[in-house]
Amino acid sequence: MILSLEETKEWLRIDGSEDDGSVQMLIAASENYLKNATGTVFDHTHDQARLFCLVLVTDWYESRELTASKVGEKVRFTVQSMLLQLSNC
């Protein structure tokens, strides 16, 4: 694992445990995204990989309430990139 739940919640400034399941899912997805994009499995000792995952989790967490009418180019690009990566798994 690159990120722990505790450090990710601290980064996101989340108190309490009500979003723990969602945050854990985002952590796992960010680590899989990085692995699919690079073909490399990173661990918690690689600071750049940790920062990448934290930034990705932050973007996804803060954008989790988007509706179809609010989806912008950035989100569409991310979704297209994810689909491409997933199709090559």
PDB file of N, CA and C in Angstrom:
ATOM      1  N   MET A   1       0.832  -1.186   0.000  1.00  0.00           N
ATOM      2  CA  MET A   1       0.000   0.000   0.000  1.00  0.00           C
ATOM      3  C   MET A   1       0.877   1.250   0.000  1.00  0.00           C
ATOM      4  N   ILE A   2       0.468   2.191  -0.801  1.00  0.00           N
ATOM      5  CA  ILE A   2       1.196   3.459  -0.878  1.00  0.00           C
ATOM      6  C   ILE A   2       0.711   4.406   0.216  1.00  0.00           C
ATOM      7  N   LEU A   3      -0.599   4.451   0.419  1.00  0.00           N
ATOM      8  CA  LEU A   3      -1.197   5.368   1.384  1.00  0.00           C
ATOM      9  C   LEU A   3      -1.937   4.609   2.471  1.00  0.00           C
ATOM     10  N   SER A   4      -1.942   5.172   3.658  1.00  0.00           N
ATOM     11  CA  SER A   4      -2.778   4.633   4.726  1.00  0.00           C
ATOM     12  C   SER A   4      -4.037   5.490   4.830  1.00  0.00           C
ATOM     13  N   LEU A   5      -5.062   4.919   5.403  1.00  0.00           N
ATOM     14  CA  LEU A   5      -6.299   5.662   5.608  1.00  0.00           C
ATOM     15  C   LEU A   5      -6.055   6.879   6.501  1.00  0.00           C
ATOM     16  N   GLU A   6      -5.270   6.696   7.535  1.00  0.00           N
ATOM     17  CA  GLU A   6      -5.032   7.782   8.495  1.00  0.00           C
ATOM     18  C   GLU A   6      -4.321   8.973   7.844  1.00  0.00           C
ATOM     19  N   GLU A   7      -3.254   8.701   7.079  1.00  0.00           N
ATOM     20  CA  GLU A   7      -2.534   9.822   6.466  1.00  0.00           C
ATOM     21  C   GLU A   7      -3.373  10.500   5.387  1.00  0.00           C
ATOM     22  N   THR A   8      -4.203   9.726   4.695  1.00  0.00           N
ATOM     23  CA  THR A   8      -5.058  10.304   3.659  1.00  0.00           C
ATOM     24  C   THR A   8      -6.132  11.179   4.280  1.00  0.00           C
ATOM     25  N   LYS A   9      -6.727  10.730   5.372  1.00  0.00           N
ATOM     26  CA  LYS A   9      -7.726  11.550   6.061  1.00  0.00           C
ATOM     27  C   LYS A   9      -7.096  12.822   6.609  1.00  0.00           C
ATOM     28  N   GLU A  10      -5.869  12.732   7.100  1.00  0.00           N
ATOM     29  CA  GLU A  10      -5.174  13.928   7.581  1.00  0.00           C
ATOM     30  C   GLU A  10      -4.938  14.900   6.421  1.00  0.00           C
ATOM     31  N   TRP A  11      -4.508  14.386   5.269  1.00  0.00           N
ATOM     32  CA  TRP A  11      -4.276  15.206   4.077  1.00  0.00           C
ATOM     33  C   TRP A  11      -5.571  15.899   3.641  1.00  0.00           C
ATOM     34  N   LEU A  12      -6.685  15.154   3.683  1.00  0.00           N
ATOM     35  CA  LEU A  12      -7.979  15.691   3.266  1.00  0.00           C
ATOM     36  C   LEU A  12      -8.654  16.532   4.355  1.00  0.00           C
ATOM     37  N   ARG A  13      -8.053  16.518   5.553  1.00  0.00           N
ATOM     38  CA  ARG A  13      -8.600  17.226   6.718  1.00  0.00           C
ATOM     39  C   ARG A  13      -9.999  16.705   7.069  1.00  0.00           C
ATOM     40  N   ILE A  14     -10.089  15.380   7.157  1.00  0.00           N
ATOM     41  CA  ILE A  14     -11.344  14.721   7.509  1.00  0.00           C
ATOM     42  C   ILE A  14     -11.266  14.259   8.953  1.00  0.00           C
ATOM     43  N   ASP A  15     -12.247  14.670   9.740  1.00  0.00           N
ATOM     44  CA  ASP A  15     -12.402  14.171  11.109  1.00  0.00           C
ATOM     45  C   ASP A  15     -13.550  13.163  11.088  1.00  0.00           C
ATOM     46  N   GLY A  16     -13.502  12.212  11.970  1.00  0.00           N
ATOM     47  CA  GLY A  16     -14.576  11.235  12.038  1.00  0.00           C
ATOM     48  C   GLY A  16     -14.345  10.089  11.068  1.00  0.00           C
ATOM     49  N   SER A  17     -15.277   9.148  11.092  1.00  0.00           N
ATOM     50  CA  SER A  17     -15.103   7.933  10.291  1.00  0.00           C
ATOM     51  C   SER A  17     -16.217   7.684   9.286  1.00  0.00           C
ATOM     52  N   GLU A  18     -17.129   8.625   9.130  1.00  0.00           N
ATOM     53  CA  GLU A  18     -18.280   8.382   8.258  1.00  0.00           C
ATOM     54  C   GLU A  18     -17.907   8.205   6.787  1.00  0.00           C
ATOM     55  N   ASP A  19     -16.794   8.772   6.344  1.00  0.00           N
ATOM     56  CA  ASP A  19     -16.372   8.642   4.947  1.00  0.00           C
ATOM     57  C   ASP A  19     -15.255   7.619   4.759  1.00  0.00           C
ATOM     58  N   ASP A  20     -14.936   6.851   5.787  1.00  0.00           N
ATOM     59  CA  ASP A  20     -13.806   5.919   5.705  1.00  0.00           C
ATOM     60  C   ASP A  20     -13.920   4.948   4.539  1.00  0.00           C
ATOM     61  N   GLY A  21     -15.078   4.391   4.321  1.00  0.00           N
ATOM     62  CA  GLY A  21     -15.259   3.445   3.221  1.00  0.00           C
ATOM     63  C   GLY A  21     -14.983   4.085   1.872  1.00  0.00           C
ATOM     64  N   SER A  22     -15.502   5.283   1.681  1.00  0.00           N
ATOM     65  CA  SER A  22     -15.278   6.001   0.423  1.00  0.00           C
ATOM     66  C   SER A  22     -13.808   6.345   0.241  1.00  0.00           C
ATOM     67  N   VAL A  23     -13.165   6.801   1.299  1.00  0.00           N
ATOM     68  CA  VAL A  23     -11.754   7.173   1.214  1.00  0.00           C
ATOM     69  C   VAL A  23     -10.899   5.943   0.926  1.00  0.00           C
ATOM     70  N   GLN A  24     -11.201   4.822   1.562  1.00  0.00           N
ATOM     71  CA  GLN A  24     -10.450   3.590   1.295  1.00  0.00           C
ATOM     72  C   GLN A  24     -10.604   3.153  -0.162  1.00  0.00           C
ATOM     73  N   MET A  25     -11.808   3.279  -0.700  1.00  0.00           N
ATOM     74  CA  MET A  25     -12.037   2.937  -2.097  1.00  0.00           C
ATOM     75  C   MET A  25     -11.235   3.855  -3.022  1.00  0.00           C
ATOM     76  N   LEU A  26     -11.187   5.149  -2.703  1.00  0.00           N
ATOM     77  CA  LEU A  26     -10.427   6.094  -3.512  1.00  0.00           C
ATOM     78  C   LEU A  26      -8.930   5.833  -3.431  1.00  0.00           C
ATOM     79  N   ILE A  27      -8.451   5.445  -2.258  1.00  0.00           N
ATOM     80  CA  ILE A  27      -7.037   5.100  -2.105  1.00  0.00           C
ATOM     81  C   ILE A  27      -6.692   3.928  -3.013  1.00  0.00           C
ATOM     82  N   ALA A  28      -7.493   2.874  -2.940  1.00  0.00           N
ATOM     83  CA  ALA A  28      -7.240   1.681  -3.760  1.00  0.00           C
ATOM     84  C   ALA A  28      -7.307   2.019  -5.247  1.00  0.00           C
ATOM     85  N   ALA A  29      -8.294   2.832  -5.634  1.00  0.00           N
ATOM     86  CA  ALA A  29      -8.429   3.211  -7.042  1.00  0.00           C
ATOM     87  C   ALA A  29      -7.241   4.045  -7.509  1.00  0.00           C
ATOM     88  N   SER A  30      -6.745   4.940  -6.661  1.00  0.00           N
ATOM     89  CA  SER A  30      -5.609   5.774  -7.062  1.00  0.00           C
ATOM     90  C   SER A  30      -4.348   4.938  -7.232  1.00  0.00           C
ATOM     91  N   GLU A  31      -4.162   3.960  -6.360  1.00  0.00           N
ATOM     92  CA  GLU A  31      -2.989   3.099  -6.471  1.00  0.00           C
ATOM     93  C   GLU A  31      -3.077   2.212  -7.710  1.00  0.00           C
ATOM     94  N   ASN A  32      -4.266   1.715  -8.011  1.00  0.00           N
ATOM     95  CA  ASN A  32      -4.451   0.932  -9.239  1.00  0.00           C
ATOM     96  C   ASN A  32      -4.259   1.798 -10.476  1.00  0.00           C
ATOM     97  N   TYR A  33      -4.749   3.031 -10.420  1.00  0.00           N
ATOM     98  CA  TYR A  33      -4.584   3.969 -11.536  1.00  0.00           C
ATOM     99  C   TYR A  33      -3.095   4.175 -11.817  1.00  0.00           C
ATOM    100  N   LEU A  34      -2.314   4.415 -10.774  1.00  0.00           N
ATOM    101  CA  LEU A  34      -0.875   4.621 -10.931  1.00  0.00           C
ATOM    102  C   LEU A  34      -0.202   3.377 -11.504  1.00  0.00           C
ATOM    103  N   LYS A  35      -0.558   2.220 -10.995  1.00  0.00           N
ATOM    104  CA  LYS A  35       0.014   0.971 -11.496  1.00  0.00           C
ATOM    105  C   LYS A  35      -0.347   0.758 -12.963  1.00  0.00           C
ATOM    106  N   ASN A  36      -1.605   0.998 -13.332  1.00  0.00           N
ATOM    107  CA  ASN A  36      -2.034   0.817 -14.717  1.00  0.00           C
ATOM    108  C   ASN A  36      -1.366   1.820 -15.656  1.00  0.00           C
ATOM    109  N   ALA A  37      -1.150   3.033 -15.164  1.00  0.00           N
ATOM    110  CA  ALA A  37      -0.548   4.071 -16.000  1.00  0.00           C
ATOM    111  C   ALA A  37       0.937   3.855 -16.225  1.00  0.00           C
ATOM    112  N   THR A  38       1.621   3.263 -15.228  1.00  0.00           N
ATOM    113  CA  THR A  38       3.075   3.153 -15.308  1.00  0.00           C
ATOM    114  C   THR A  38       3.585   1.727 -15.490  1.00  0.00           C
ATOM    115  N   GLY A  39       2.759   0.749 -15.141  1.00  0.00           N
ATOM    116  CA  GLY A  39       3.205  -0.639 -15.178  1.00  0.00           C
ATOM    117  C   GLY A  39       4.101  -0.992 -14.000  1.00  0.00           C
ATOM    118  N   THR A  40       4.174  -0.108 -13.021  1.00  0.00           N
ATOM    119  CA  THR A  40       5.040  -0.297 -11.868  1.00  0.00           C
ATOM    120  C   THR A  40       4.211  -0.296 -10.594  1.00  0.00           C
ATOM    121  N   VAL A  41       4.553  -1.184  -9.676  1.00  0.00           N
ATOM    122  CA  VAL A  41       3.922  -1.201  -8.362  1.00  0.00           C
ATOM    123  C   VAL A  41       4.830  -0.429  -7.404  1.00  0.00           C
ATOM    124  N   PHE A  42       4.311   0.658  -6.873  1.00  0.00           N
ATOM    125  CA  PHE A  42       5.059   1.487  -5.931  1.00  0.00           C
ATOM    126  C   PHE A  42       4.639   1.151  -4.512  1.00  0.00           C
ATOM    127  N   ASP A  43       5.471   1.527  -3.544  1.00  0.00           N
ATOM    128  CA  ASP A  43       5.098   1.356  -2.150  1.00  0.00           C
ATOM    129  C   ASP A  43       5.207   2.694  -1.425  1.00  0.00           C
ATOM    130  N   HIS A  44       4.977   2.659  -0.120  1.00  0.00           N
ATOM    131  CA  HIS A  44       4.922   3.884   0.676  1.00  0.00           C
ATOM    132  C   HIS A  44       6.266   4.607   0.792  1.00  0.00           C
ATOM    133  N   THR A  45       7.351   4.006   0.322  1.00  0.00           N
ATOM    134  CA  THR A  45       8.657   4.660   0.416  1.00  0.00           C
ATOM    135  C   THR A  45       8.930   5.611  -0.750  1.00  0.00           C
ATOM    136  N   HIS A  46       8.084   5.608  -1.750  1.00  0.00           N
ATOM    137  CA  HIS A  46       8.283   6.450  -2.939  1.00  0.00           C
ATOM    138  C   HIS A  46       7.433   7.719  -2.800  1.00  0.00           C
ATOM    139  N   ASP A  47       8.085   8.815  -2.410  1.00  0.00           N
ATOM    140  CA  ASP A  47       7.358  10.051  -2.104  1.00  0.00           C
ATOM    141  C   ASP A  47       6.568  10.605  -3.277  1.00  0.00           C
ATOM    142  N   GLN A  48       7.102  10.524  -4.476  1.00  0.00           N
ATOM    143  CA  GLN A  48       6.388  11.063  -5.627  1.00  0.00           C
ATOM    144  C   GLN A  48       5.126  10.249  -5.910  1.00  0.00           C
ATOM    145  N   ALA A  49       5.199   8.938  -5.757  1.00  0.00           N
ATOM    146  CA  ALA A  49       4.020   8.095  -5.943  1.00  0.00           C
ATOM    147  C   ALA A  49       2.980   8.402  -4.865  1.00  0.00           C
ATOM    148  N   ARG A  50       3.424   8.602  -3.628  1.00  0.00           N
ATOM    149  CA  ARG A  50       2.512   8.948  -2.543  1.00  0.00           C
ATOM    150  C   ARG A  50       1.807  10.273  -2.828  1.00  0.00           C
ATOM    151  N   LEU A  51       2.571  11.269  -3.273  1.00  0.00           N
ATOM    152  CA  LEU A  51       1.979  12.567  -3.577  1.00  0.00           C
ATOM    153  C   LEU A  51       0.990  12.449  -4.732  1.00  0.00           C
ATOM    154  N   PHE A  52       1.342  11.698  -5.779  1.00  0.00           N
ATOM    155  CA  PHE A  52       0.434  11.500  -6.907  1.00  0.00           C
ATOM    156  C   PHE A  52      -0.898  10.934  -6.411  1.00  0.00           C
ATOM    157  N   CYS A  53      -0.834   9.899  -5.584  1.00  0.00           N
ATOM    158  CA  CYS A  53      -2.057   9.272  -5.088  1.00  0.00           C
ATOM    159  C   CYS A  53      -2.853  10.220  -4.200  1.00  0.00           C
ATOM    160  N   LEU A  54      -2.172  10.992  -3.362  1.00  0.00           N
ATOM    161  CA  LEU A  54      -2.874  11.962  -2.525  1.00  0.00           C
ATOM    162  C   LEU A  54      -3.590  13.014  -3.366  1.00  0.00           C
ATOM    163  N   VAL A  55      -2.927  13.496  -4.403  1.00  0.00           N
ATOM    164  CA  VAL A  55      -3.536  14.500  -5.277  1.00  0.00           C
ATOM    165  C   VAL A  55      -4.741  13.902  -6.004  1.00  0.00           C
ATOM    166  N   LEU A  56      -4.599  12.687  -6.492  1.00  0.00           N
ATOM    167  CA  LEU A  56      -5.699  12.036  -7.202  1.00  0.00           C
ATOM    168  C   LEU A  56      -6.878  11.784  -6.265  1.00  0.00           C
ATOM    169  N   VAL A  57      -6.609  11.272  -5.077  1.00  0.00           N
ATOM    170  CA  VAL A  57      -7.676  11.040  -4.100  1.00  0.00           C
ATOM    171  C   VAL A  57      -8.369  12.354  -3.754  1.00  0.00           C
ATOM    172  N   THR A  58      -7.603  13.420  -3.579  1.00  0.00           N
ATOM    173  CA  THR A  58      -8.188  14.723  -3.269  1.00  0.00           C
ATOM    174  C   THR A  58      -9.121  15.183  -4.368  1.00  0.00           C
ATOM    175  N   ASP A  59      -8.686  15.075  -5.616  1.00  0.00           N
ATOM    176  CA  ASP A  59      -9.510  15.485  -6.747  1.00  0.00           C
ATOM    177  C   ASP A  59     -10.803  14.680  -6.788  1.00  0.00           C
ATOM    178  N   TRP A  60     -10.690  13.382  -6.656  1.00  0.00           N
ATOM    179  CA  TRP A  60     -11.876  12.527  -6.702  1.00  0.00           C
ATOM    180  C   TRP A  60     -12.792  12.774  -5.508  1.00  0.00           C
ATOM    181  N   TYR A  61     -12.219  12.942  -4.332  1.00  0.00           N
ATOM    182  CA  TYR A  61     -13.022  13.154  -3.125  1.00  0.00           C
ATOM    183  C   TYR A  61     -13.779  14.475  -3.218  1.00  0.00           C
ATOM    184  N   GLU A  62     -13.094  15.520  -3.643  1.00  0.00           N
ATOM    185  CA  GLU A  62     -13.731  16.833  -3.720  1.00  0.00           C
ATOM    186  C   GLU A  62     -14.718  16.938  -4.877  1.00  0.00           C
ATOM    187  N   SER A  63     -14.616  16.055  -5.865  1.00  0.00           N
ATOM    188  CA  SER A  63     -15.503  16.089  -7.034  1.00  0.00           C
ATOM    189  C   SER A  63     -16.573  15.007  -6.964  1.00  0.00           C
ATOM    190  N   ARG A  64     -16.740  14.351  -5.837  1.00  0.00           N
ATOM    191  CA  ARG A  64     -17.617  13.188  -5.750  1.00  0.00           C
ATOM    192  C   ARG A  64     -19.091  13.507  -5.930  1.00  0.00           C
ATOM    193  N   GLU A  65     -19.476  14.749  -5.811  1.00  0.00           N
ATOM    194  CA  GLU A  65     -20.881  15.112  -5.940  1.00  0.00           C
ATOM    195  C   GLU A  65     -21.224  15.696  -7.310  1.00  0.00           C
ATOM    196  N   LEU A  66     -20.348  15.504  -8.265  1.00  0.00           N
ATOM    197  CA  LEU A  66     -20.630  16.013  -9.602  1.00  0.00           C
ATOM    198  C   LEU A  66     -21.830  15.303 -10.219  1.00  0.00           C
ATOM    199  N   THR A  67     -22.639  16.050 -10.909  1.00  0.00           N
ATOM    200  CA  THR A  67     -23.732  15.452 -11.666  1.00  0.00           C
ATOM    201  C   THR A  67     -23.373  15.535 -13.138  1.00  0.00           C
ATOM    202  N   ALA A  68     -24.119  14.852 -13.960  1.00  0.00           N
ATOM    203  CA  ALA A  68     -23.810  14.826 -15.391  1.00  0.00           C
ATOM    204  C   ALA A  68     -23.768  16.224 -15.989  1.00  0.00           C
ATOM    205  N   SER A  69     -24.610  17.119 -15.524  1.00  0.00           N
ATOM    206  CA  SER A  69     -24.623  18.473 -16.083  1.00  0.00           C
ATOM    207  C   SER A  69     -23.436  19.306 -15.636  1.00  0.00           C
ATOM    208  N   LYS A  70     -22.724  18.878 -14.599  1.00  0.00           N
ATOM    209  CA  LYS A  70     -21.598  19.640 -14.077  1.00  0.00           C
ATOM    210  C   LYS A  70     -20.249  19.053 -14.465  1.00  0.00           C
ATOM    211  N   VAL A  71     -20.253  17.977 -15.218  1.00  0.00           N
ATOM    212  CA  VAL A  71     -18.994  17.334 -15.589  1.00  0.00           C
ATOM    213  C   VAL A  71     -18.262  18.205 -16.591  1.00  0.00           C
ATOM    214  N   GLY A  72     -17.022  18.538 -16.272  1.00  0.00           N
ATOM    215  CA  GLY A  72     -16.233  19.391 -17.141  1.00  0.00           C
ATOM    216  C   GLY A  72     -15.224  18.610 -17.950  1.00  0.00           C
ATOM    217  N   GLU A  73     -14.429  19.332 -18.709  1.00  0.00           N
ATOM    218  CA  GLU A  73     -13.414  18.710 -19.560  1.00  0.00           C
ATOM    219  C   GLU A  73     -12.403  17.911 -18.755  1.00  0.00           C
ATOM    220  N   LYS A  74     -11.996  18.432 -17.607  1.00  0.00           N
ATOM    221  CA  LYS A  74     -11.007  17.742 -16.783  1.00  0.00           C
ATOM    222  C   LYS A  74     -11.530  16.373 -16.362  1.00  0.00           C
ATOM    223  N   VAL A  75     -12.763  16.326 -15.914  1.00  0.00           N
ATOM    224  CA  VAL A  75     -13.344  15.063 -15.468  1.00  0.00           C
ATOM    225  C   VAL A  75     -13.508  14.125 -16.646  1.00  0.00           C
ATOM    226  N   ARG A  76     -13.986  14.626 -17.781  1.00  0.00           N
ATOM    227  CA  ARG A  76     -14.144  13.778 -18.969  1.00  0.00           C
ATOM    228  C   ARG A  76     -12.804  13.192 -19.387  1.00  0.00           C
ATOM    229  N   PHE A  77     -11.733  13.998 -19.360  1.00  0.00           N
ATOM    230  CA  PHE A  77     -10.409  13.495 -19.719  1.00  0.00           C
ATOM    231  C   PHE A  77      -9.975  12.401 -18.760  1.00  0.00           C
ATOM    232  N   THR A  78     -10.183  12.625 -17.464  1.00  0.00           N
ATOM    233  CA  THR A  78      -9.805  11.631 -16.463  1.00  0.00           C
ATOM    234  C   THR A  78     -10.558  10.334 -16.677  1.00  0.00           C
ATOM    235  N   VAL A  79     -11.848  10.437 -16.923  1.00  0.00           N
ATOM    236  CA  VAL A  79     -12.657   9.233 -17.146  1.00  0.00           C
ATOM    237  C   VAL A  79     -12.202   8.511 -18.405  1.00  0.00           C
ATOM    238  N   GLN A  80     -11.930   9.238 -19.474  1.00  0.00           N
ATOM    239  CA  GLN A  80     -11.448   8.610 -20.709  1.00  0.00           C
ATOM    240  C   GLN A  80     -10.112   7.917 -20.480  1.00  0.00           C
ATOM    241  N   SER A  81      -9.225   8.570 -19.745  1.00  0.00           N
ATOM    242  CA  SER A  81      -7.922   7.976 -19.456  1.00  0.00           C
ATOM    243  C   SER A  81      -8.081   6.717 -18.614  1.00  0.00           C
ATOM    244  N   MET A  82      -8.968   6.760 -17.636  1.00  0.00           N
ATOM    245  CA  MET A  82      -9.204   5.578 -16.804  1.00  0.00           C
ATOM    246  C   MET A  82      -9.760   4.424 -17.624  1.00  0.00           C
ATOM    247  N   LEU A  83     -10.691   4.737 -18.502  1.00  0.00           N
ATOM    248  CA  LEU A  83     -11.267   3.687 -19.332  1.00  0.00           C
ATOM    249  C   LEU A  83     -10.204   3.057 -20.232  1.00  0.00           C
ATOM    250  N   LEU A  84      -9.331   3.871 -20.785  1.00  0.00           N
ATOM    251  CA  LEU A  84      -8.257   3.358 -21.616  1.00  0.00           C
ATOM    252  C   LEU A  84      -7.351   2.437 -20.815  1.00  0.00           C
ATOM    253  N   GLN A  85      -6.976   2.867 -19.621  1.00  0.00           N
ATOM    254  CA  GLN A  85      -6.144   2.041 -18.778  1.00  0.00           C
ATOM    255  C   GLN A  85      -6.838   0.743 -18.388  1.00  0.00           C
ATOM    256  N   LEU A  86      -8.098   0.842 -18.029  1.00  0.00           N
ATOM    257  CA  LEU A  86      -8.834  -0.360 -17.634  1.00  0.00           C
ATOM    258  C   LEU A  86      -9.000  -1.325 -18.793  1.00  0.00           C
ATOM    259  N   SER A  87      -9.115  -0.803 -20.004  1.00  0.00           N
ATOM    260  CA  SER A  87      -9.254  -1.687 -21.167  1.00  0.00           C
ATOM    261  C   SER A  87      -7.980  -2.435 -21.460  1.00  0.00           C
ATOM    262  N   ASN A  88      -6.847  -1.960 -20.933  1.00  0.00           N
ATOM    263  CA  ASN A  88      -5.553  -2.628 -21.165  1.00  0.00           C
ATOM    264  C   ASN A  88      -5.127  -3.501 -19.992  1.00  0.00           C
ATOM    265  N   CYS A  89      -5.972  -3.648 -19.000  1.00  0.00           N
ATOM    266  CA  CYS A  89      -5.628  -4.480 -17.837  1.00  0.00           C
ATOM    267  C   CYS A  89      -5.743  -5.958 -18.183  1.00  0.00           C
TER     268      CYS A  89
END
